[in-house]
Amino acid sequence: MKYGYNKEVYTALEAITEAQKIAFSPILFQAVICMRNKGIFAYLDRQGEKGATIDDICDNVALSTYGIQLLLDVALSMHIIYLRDQCYVLGKVGHFLLHDKMTQINLDFTQDVCYQGMFHLEEALEKGTPAGLKVFGDWSTIYPALSQLPDKPKNSWFDFDHFYSDSAFPPAFNYIKKLNPQHIYDVGGNTGKWALYCAKNLPNVDITILDLPEQIELAKNNINEAGFESRISGYSVNLLTAETLPAQADLWWMSQFLDCFSEEQIMQILSLIYRSMKKDTVVCIMEIFWDRQPFEAGALSLNASSLYFTCLANGNSRFYHSKVFYRCLSQVGFHVEQDIDGLGLGHTLLICKKR
C-alpha cells in the first residue's frame, strides 16, 4: 500500500517517542511559533554553520534569558537546532520552518485560522457542524464569513487557498487551452483568480463565475481592478439549493471546490450540473487527492487539513481519496476522459463528459 500504511513502521522505542511528540504537539507548535516570531530562527540562520552562543543570542533577541534558554532546549528536543561546541546551530528542520514557503503558509494557516477552533473538534465530529467556527463568529459555514474575518486569519486563509491552487493553474491551463473553450463557467470561483488567469491568456473567451453572493462581490472587486469586467461576469447562486443553472458555457471548471462539500453534496452538485449542461460540454475538475501525492508528507498534510473542514469550514467535507470522486462521477453519469496527476504541488485534473 502507498506510503507504507499497511504495516507497522516503528520499533517499540520509536513508537513511545512518537507518542510523546503527539501528547505535547500543541505545546511544541506554539514554541515553534514563538521562536519564529521572536527571531531566534532568523538570527541562528544568519550565523550559519558557526552558530551562536547563548550570550550572543540573548544580546540579539528581544526576550529574557530564561525564555530564550527554554525555547532553545525545546528546539534541541525537536531536532530543529543542534548544539556544537557550545554554539547553537540551525538544523535542516529549522531551515525549512524559516525558508520553505509551503511550511510558512501551513504554519500561519494552522496558527491563525485553525488553532483555537480545533479545541472544538470532538463536538464538530459528533454534530457534523463546524463547531470551532464559533471562535470567529456565528456562521453556519466559513465561506460567507471570509470577507468578515479579522485581517490575520482572513489573509492566512486566502494565502493557504491560493498557494496550492495557484501553483497548479499554469500546467492545468495547458490542458484547458487545448479544449478551445468559448465560454467557461468557473464554479466556486472564489476571488476570481482562475477567471482572471483565463481572461489574460485566452483573449476571446468569456468567463462566468458561479458562487455565493458574498464571494461574487469579492471577485468583482478584483475583476474590476484588473479591467476585465466586460469578459468576466458573476452569477450568484447557492449550489446546494439551486434547482437549475445557466447553460451557455461549453466548459465547466471547478478548482478545489467540491472538496468543500460532503460526498452526498458532491453528488447533488454534480447532478445539478449534469442536468443543466449542454450535451457536448466538458466538465473539468481540479482537485488535490491525498492518495495521489508523490510524498507521504503531502498525504499527511492533506489529511490534517481535512480536520479544518470538519471543525471550521462546514463540518462534513475533506480532501478526498480519488476513488470517492470516481464513484460520484460515475453514479451521476459522467465519464472521465482524461486523468492527469502531478499538476503544481500535487493536484489532479479530471476532464469529464456525459457518458
Protein backbone atom coordinates (compact mmCIF):
# COMPACT_ATOMS: atom_id res chain seq x y z
CA MET A 1 0.00 0.00 0.00
CA LYS A 2 1.22 3.51 -0.81
CA TYR A 3 3.09 5.33 1.98
CA GLY A 4 3.51 2.07 3.92
CA TYR A 5 0.10 2.31 5.58
CA ASN A 6 -0.30 -1.48 5.54
CA LYS A 7 2.31 -2.27 8.18
CA GLU A 8 3.86 -1.18 11.46
CA VAL A 9 6.78 1.16 10.83
CA TYR A 10 8.12 1.83 14.36
CA THR A 11 10.04 -0.15 16.90
CA ALA A 12 8.61 -0.02 20.44
CA LEU A 13 11.13 2.64 21.47
CA GLU A 14 10.42 4.74 18.38
CA ALA A 15 6.69 4.36 18.94
CA ILE A 16 6.77 5.66 22.51
CA THR A 17 8.87 8.60 21.35
CA GLU A 18 6.31 9.40 18.65
CA ALA A 19 3.56 9.09 21.24
CA GLN A 20 5.21 11.76 23.39
CA LYS A 21 5.51 14.07 20.39
CA ILE A 22 1.78 13.73 19.85
CA ALA A 23 0.99 14.23 23.55
CA PHE A 24 2.85 17.55 23.62
CA SER A 25 2.36 18.63 20.00
CA PRO A 26 0.10 21.66 20.66
CA ILE A 27 2.65 22.98 23.17
CA LEU A 28 5.59 22.30 20.86
CA PHE A 29 3.79 24.01 17.98
CA GLN A 30 3.35 27.20 19.98
CA ALA A 31 7.03 27.10 20.96
CA VAL A 32 7.95 26.99 17.27
CA ILE A 33 5.68 29.96 16.55
CA CYS A 34 7.36 31.90 19.37
CA MET A 35 10.87 31.09 18.12
CA ARG A 36 9.95 32.17 14.62
CA ASN A 37 8.16 35.33 15.69
CA LYS A 38 10.87 36.43 18.14
CA GLY A 39 13.57 36.00 15.51
CA ILE A 40 15.53 33.14 17.09
CA PHE A 41 15.49 31.07 13.90
CA ALA A 42 16.40 34.08 11.77
CA TYR A 43 19.33 35.02 13.99
CA LEU A 44 20.74 31.49 14.01
CA ASP A 45 20.25 31.30 10.26
CA ARG A 46 22.42 34.41 9.80
CA GLN A 47 25.20 32.81 11.86
CA GLY A 48 25.43 29.84 9.50
CA GLU A 49 27.43 26.75 10.48
CA LYS A 50 29.42 28.52 13.19
CA GLY A 51 26.24 29.01 15.21
CA ALA A 52 25.87 31.27 18.22
CA THR A 53 26.40 31.03 21.98
CA ILE A 54 23.58 31.65 24.43
CA ASP A 55 25.11 35.03 25.24
CA ASP A 56 25.17 36.01 21.56
CA ILE A 57 21.54 35.02 21.16
CA CYS A 58 20.45 36.90 24.28
CA ASP A 59 22.24 40.02 23.03
CA ASN A 60 20.38 39.88 19.73
CA VAL A 61 16.89 38.58 20.56
CA ALA A 62 14.35 40.67 22.46
CA LEU A 63 13.43 38.06 25.06
CA SER A 64 14.61 37.17 28.56
CA THR A 65 17.50 34.76 29.04
CA TYR A 66 15.02 32.42 30.75
CA GLY A 67 12.67 32.48 27.75
CA ILE A 68 15.43 32.05 25.19
CA GLN A 69 17.10 29.16 27.01
CA LEU A 70 13.78 27.41 27.48
CA LEU A 71 12.89 27.71 23.80
CA LEU A 72 16.36 26.57 22.72
CA ASP A 73 16.06 23.45 24.89
CA VAL A 74 12.70 22.69 23.30
CA ALA A 75 14.20 23.18 19.85
CA LEU A 76 17.02 20.78 20.69
CA SER A 77 14.49 18.13 21.74
CA MET A 78 12.62 18.66 18.47
CA HIS A 79 15.86 18.44 16.43
CA ILE A 80 15.17 21.88 14.98
CA ILE A 81 18.59 23.07 16.12
CA TYR A 82 21.69 21.31 17.38
CA LEU A 83 24.50 22.20 19.80
CA ARG A 84 28.12 22.13 18.69
CA ASP A 85 31.00 23.40 20.83
CA GLN A 86 28.53 25.34 23.00
CA CYS A 87 27.11 27.05 19.93
CA TYR A 88 23.53 26.62 18.75
CA VAL A 89 23.20 25.87 15.03
CA LEU A 90 20.02 25.92 12.96
CA GLY A 91 19.36 22.44 11.58
CA LYS A 92 17.57 21.34 8.42
CA VAL A 93 14.13 21.35 10.07
CA GLY A 94 14.73 24.89 11.29
CA HIS A 95 15.83 25.92 7.82
CA PHE A 96 12.57 24.71 6.29
CA LEU A 97 10.48 26.28 9.06
CA LEU A 98 12.13 29.58 8.25
CA HIS A 99 12.55 29.49 4.47
CA ASP A 100 10.15 26.98 2.90
CA LYS A 101 7.12 28.83 1.54
CA MET A 102 4.76 25.87 1.88
CA THR A 103 5.77 25.35 5.51
CA GLN A 104 5.29 29.05 6.27
CA ILE A 105 1.83 29.01 4.68
CA ASN A 106 0.84 25.90 6.66
CA LEU A 107 2.16 27.31 9.94
CA ASP A 108 0.22 30.55 9.53
CA PHE A 109 -2.95 28.75 8.47
CA THR A 110 -2.77 26.44 11.49
CA GLN A 111 -1.99 29.26 13.91
CA ASP A 112 -4.28 32.00 12.62
CA VAL A 113 -7.25 30.01 11.28
CA CYS A 114 -7.35 26.61 12.94
CA TYR A 115 -5.64 26.57 16.32
CA GLN A 116 -8.28 27.97 18.67
CA GLY A 117 -11.16 26.34 16.82
CA MET A 118 -9.60 22.87 16.97
CA PHE A 119 -10.43 22.71 20.67
CA HIS A 120 -13.99 22.01 19.47
CA LEU A 121 -13.08 19.18 17.07
CA GLU A 122 -14.82 16.45 19.07
CA GLU A 123 -18.04 18.47 19.13
CA ALA A 124 -17.76 19.05 15.37
CA LEU A 125 -17.32 15.33 14.72
CA GLU A 126 -20.29 14.45 16.92
CA LYS A 127 -22.66 17.06 15.47
CA GLY A 128 -21.43 17.26 11.88
CA THR A 129 -21.23 21.04 12.16
CA PRO A 130 -18.20 23.38 12.20
CA ALA A 131 -18.27 23.84 15.96
CA GLY A 132 -14.87 25.56 16.00
CA LEU A 133 -16.10 28.41 13.81
CA LYS A 134 -17.67 29.95 16.90
CA VAL A 135 -14.27 31.42 17.82
CA PHE A 136 -14.74 33.85 14.92
CA GLY A 137 -18.50 34.40 14.95
CA ASP A 138 -21.94 32.96 14.44
CA TRP A 139 -21.98 31.44 10.94
CA SER A 140 -23.17 28.08 9.65
CA THR A 141 -20.09 27.72 7.38
CA ILE A 142 -16.90 29.72 6.94
CA TYR A 143 -17.45 30.67 3.30
CA PRO A 144 -19.85 33.62 3.64
CA ALA A 145 -17.74 34.75 6.62
CA LEU A 146 -14.42 35.01 4.78
CA SER A 147 -14.73 38.68 3.91
CA GLN A 148 -15.62 39.46 7.54
CA LEU A 149 -12.85 37.57 9.33
CA PRO A 150 -10.17 39.57 11.15
CA ASP A 151 -7.30 40.50 8.85
CA LYS A 152 -4.80 37.95 10.15
CA PRO A 153 -6.95 34.81 9.78
CA LYS A 154 -8.50 36.15 6.57
CA ASN A 155 -5.09 36.71 4.98
CA SER A 156 -3.78 33.34 6.16
CA TRP A 157 -6.88 31.60 4.79
CA PHE A 158 -6.53 33.12 1.34
CA ASP A 159 -2.75 32.61 1.33
CA PHE A 160 -3.33 28.91 2.09
CA ASP A 161 -6.07 28.52 -0.50
CA HIS A 162 -4.22 30.36 -3.26
CA PHE A 163 -0.77 28.88 -2.63
CA TYR A 164 -1.82 25.38 -3.59
CA SER A 165 -4.23 26.18 -6.40
CA ASP A 166 -2.08 28.91 -7.98
CA SER A 167 0.83 26.54 -8.48
CA ALA A 168 -1.43 24.21 -10.46
CA PHE A 169 -3.08 26.85 -12.65
CA PRO A 170 -0.36 27.15 -15.35
CA PRO A 171 0.04 23.39 -16.04
CA ALA A 172 -3.73 22.84 -15.85
CA PHE A 173 -4.33 25.73 -18.23
CA ASN A 174 -2.26 23.97 -20.90
CA TYR A 175 -4.89 21.21 -20.98
CA ILE A 176 -7.82 23.64 -20.85
CA LYS A 177 -6.44 25.67 -23.76
CA LYS A 178 -6.39 22.55 -25.95
CA LEU A 179 -10.15 22.17 -25.42
CA ASN A 180 -10.67 25.53 -27.16
CA PRO A 181 -13.45 26.82 -24.88
CA GLN A 182 -15.53 29.85 -25.85
CA HIS A 183 -17.39 30.30 -22.58
CA ILE A 184 -16.17 28.98 -19.22
CA TYR A 185 -18.24 28.58 -16.07
CA ASP A 186 -15.93 28.92 -13.06
CA VAL A 187 -17.94 27.14 -10.38
CA GLY A 188 -16.87 28.23 -6.92
CA GLY A 189 -14.65 30.92 -8.41
CA ASN A 190 -13.73 32.39 -5.03
CA THR A 191 -11.75 35.63 -5.55
CA GLY A 192 -11.66 35.26 -9.33
CA LYS A 193 -8.05 34.17 -9.69
CA TRP A 194 -8.72 31.40 -12.22
CA ALA A 195 -11.16 33.55 -14.17
CA LEU A 196 -8.57 36.32 -14.41
CA TYR A 197 -5.87 33.85 -15.44
CA CYS A 198 -8.07 32.58 -18.27
CA ALA A 199 -9.11 36.05 -19.36
CA LYS A 200 -5.47 37.16 -19.60
CA ASN A 201 -4.39 34.09 -21.56
CA LEU A 202 -7.50 33.41 -23.69
CA PRO A 203 -8.44 36.78 -25.19
CA ASN A 204 -11.58 35.54 -26.95
CA VAL A 205 -13.13 33.63 -24.05
CA ASP A 206 -15.94 34.79 -21.75
CA ILE A 207 -15.99 33.57 -18.15
CA THR A 208 -18.88 33.44 -15.69
CA ILE A 209 -18.18 32.86 -12.01
CA LEU A 210 -20.87 30.87 -10.19
CA ASP A 211 -20.59 31.30 -6.43
CA LEU A 212 -22.23 32.63 -3.29
CA PRO A 213 -23.14 36.33 -3.48
CA GLU A 214 -20.50 37.24 -0.87
CA GLN A 215 -17.80 35.60 -2.97
CA ILE A 216 -19.08 37.21 -6.17
CA GLU A 217 -18.62 40.62 -4.57
CA LEU A 218 -15.04 39.78 -3.61
CA ALA A 219 -14.32 38.57 -7.12
CA LYS A 220 -15.93 41.62 -8.74
CA ASN A 221 -13.56 43.96 -6.94
CA ASN A 222 -10.54 42.06 -8.27
CA ILE A 223 -12.02 41.78 -11.76
CA ASN A 224 -12.80 45.49 -11.97
CA GLU A 225 -9.32 46.41 -10.76
CA ALA A 226 -7.83 44.21 -13.49
CA GLY A 227 -10.11 45.73 -16.14
CA PHE A 228 -11.85 42.51 -17.22
CA GLU A 229 -15.44 43.35 -16.25
CA SER A 230 -16.53 43.15 -19.89
CA ARG A 231 -15.49 39.48 -20.18
CA ILE A 232 -15.90 38.13 -16.65
CA SER A 233 -19.34 38.17 -15.09
CA GLY A 234 -20.80 36.80 -11.88
CA TYR A 235 -23.82 34.59 -11.25
CA SER A 236 -24.86 34.48 -7.59
CA VAL A 237 -26.04 31.03 -6.60
CA ASN A 238 -26.06 28.55 -3.76
CA LEU A 239 -25.28 25.24 -5.44
CA LEU A 240 -26.95 23.31 -2.62
CA THR A 241 -30.34 24.97 -3.04
CA ALA A 242 -30.44 25.79 -6.77
CA GLU A 243 -32.69 23.70 -8.99
CA THR A 244 -31.28 24.87 -12.34
CA LEU A 245 -28.19 26.66 -13.61
CA PRO A 246 -27.47 28.66 -16.78
CA ALA A 247 -26.28 26.54 -19.70
CA GLN A 248 -24.37 28.76 -22.12
CA ALA A 249 -20.87 27.50 -21.31
CA ASP A 250 -19.03 24.81 -23.23
CA LEU A 251 -16.62 24.18 -20.34
CA TRP A 252 -17.41 23.95 -16.65
CA TRP A 253 -14.44 24.40 -14.32
CA MET A 254 -14.15 23.52 -10.62
CA SER A 255 -10.87 24.02 -8.77
CA GLN A 256 -10.64 22.81 -5.15
CA PHE A 257 -14.37 23.40 -4.93
CA LEU A 258 -16.00 20.03 -4.46
CA ASP A 259 -13.75 19.20 -1.51
CA CYS A 260 -15.76 21.88 0.33
CA PHE A 261 -18.77 19.53 0.45
CA SER A 262 -19.80 16.15 1.80
CA GLU A 263 -19.95 13.17 -0.53
CA GLU A 264 -23.75 13.47 -0.72
CA GLN A 265 -23.49 17.17 -1.54
CA ILE A 266 -20.87 16.46 -4.22
CA MET A 267 -23.36 14.11 -5.85
CA GLN A 268 -26.06 16.78 -5.59
CA ILE A 269 -23.88 19.45 -7.24
CA LEU A 270 -22.64 17.13 -9.99
CA SER A 271 -26.23 16.08 -10.70
CA LEU A 272 -27.29 19.72 -10.93
CA ILE A 273 -24.50 20.45 -13.41
CA TYR A 274 -25.28 17.27 -15.36
CA ARG A 275 -28.92 18.32 -15.76
CA SER A 276 -28.04 21.90 -16.69
CA MET A 277 -25.11 21.47 -19.09
CA LYS A 278 -25.29 21.07 -22.85
CA LYS A 279 -24.70 17.61 -24.29
CA ASP A 280 -21.13 18.05 -25.56
CA THR A 281 -19.95 20.29 -22.73
CA VAL A 282 -16.73 19.39 -20.89
CA VAL A 283 -16.50 19.36 -17.10
CA CYS A 284 -13.00 19.92 -15.70
CA ILE A 285 -12.38 19.18 -12.03
CA MET A 286 -9.04 20.09 -10.45
CA GLU A 287 -8.66 18.56 -7.03
CA ILE A 288 -5.95 17.57 -4.64
CA PHE A 289 -6.36 13.93 -3.54
CA TRP A 290 -4.46 12.60 -0.56
CA ASP A 291 -3.79 9.23 -2.23
CA ARG A 292 -2.21 10.86 -5.32
CA GLN A 293 0.59 12.74 -3.52
CA PRO A 294 4.18 11.96 -4.57
CA PHE A 295 5.43 12.05 -0.97
CA GLU A 296 3.92 10.88 2.31
CA ALA A 297 4.29 14.38 3.75
CA GLY A 298 1.72 15.52 1.19
CA ALA A 299 -0.78 12.88 2.27
CA LEU A 300 -0.22 13.79 5.92
CA SER A 301 -0.74 17.49 5.20
CA LEU A 302 -3.99 16.87 3.33
CA ASN A 303 -5.44 14.52 5.93
CA ALA A 304 -4.55 17.02 8.66
CA SER A 305 -6.04 19.87 6.64
CA SER A 306 -9.25 17.86 6.30
CA LEU A 307 -9.82 18.42 10.02
CA TYR A 308 -10.08 22.14 9.25
CA PHE A 309 -13.09 21.34 7.02
CA THR A 310 -14.61 19.34 9.85
CA CYS A 311 -14.06 21.85 12.62
CA LEU A 312 -14.22 25.25 10.95
CA ALA A 313 -15.34 25.15 7.32
CA ASN A 314 -18.63 23.23 7.22
CA GLY A 315 -18.43 20.13 9.41
CA ASN A 316 -18.76 17.47 6.71
CA SER A 317 -16.16 17.79 3.93
CA ARG A 318 -12.48 16.96 3.44
CA PHE A 319 -9.67 16.32 0.99
CA TYR A 320 -10.83 13.05 -0.51
CA HIS A 321 -9.34 9.81 -1.80
CA SER A 322 -9.62 9.88 -5.60
CA LYS A 323 -11.85 6.80 -5.66
CA VAL A 324 -14.60 8.84 -3.96
CA PHE A 325 -14.71 11.27 -6.88
CA TYR A 326 -14.65 8.48 -9.43
CA ARG A 327 -17.59 6.85 -7.69
CA CYS A 328 -19.57 10.11 -7.55
CA LEU A 329 -18.89 10.97 -11.18
CA SER A 330 -19.85 7.51 -12.37
CA GLN A 331 -23.08 7.40 -10.39
CA VAL A 332 -24.19 10.77 -11.77
CA GLY A 333 -23.43 9.71 -15.34
CA PHE A 334 -20.04 11.22 -16.12
CA HIS A 335 -17.10 9.51 -17.80
CA VAL A 336 -13.53 10.58 -17.00
CA GLU A 337 -11.86 11.06 -20.37
CA GLN A 338 -8.52 12.28 -19.03
CA ASP A 339 -6.94 11.85 -15.60
CA ILE A 340 -3.81 13.98 -15.15
CA ASP A 341 -1.71 13.86 -11.99
CA GLY A 342 1.27 15.91 -10.86
CA LEU A 343 -0.01 19.41 -11.51
CA GLY A 344 1.57 22.05 -9.29
CA LEU A 345 2.20 20.74 -5.78
CA GLY A 346 0.11 17.61 -6.20
CA HIS A 347 -3.14 18.41 -7.99
CA THR A 348 -5.08 16.12 -10.31
CA LEU A 349 -7.17 17.26 -13.27
CA LEU A 350 -10.18 15.16 -14.26
CA ILE A 351 -11.65 16.01 -17.69
CA CYS A 352 -15.15 14.59 -17.91
CA LYS A 353 -18.10 14.35 -20.26
CA LYS A 354 -21.56 12.87 -20.11
CA ARG A 355 -21.37 9.12 -20.54
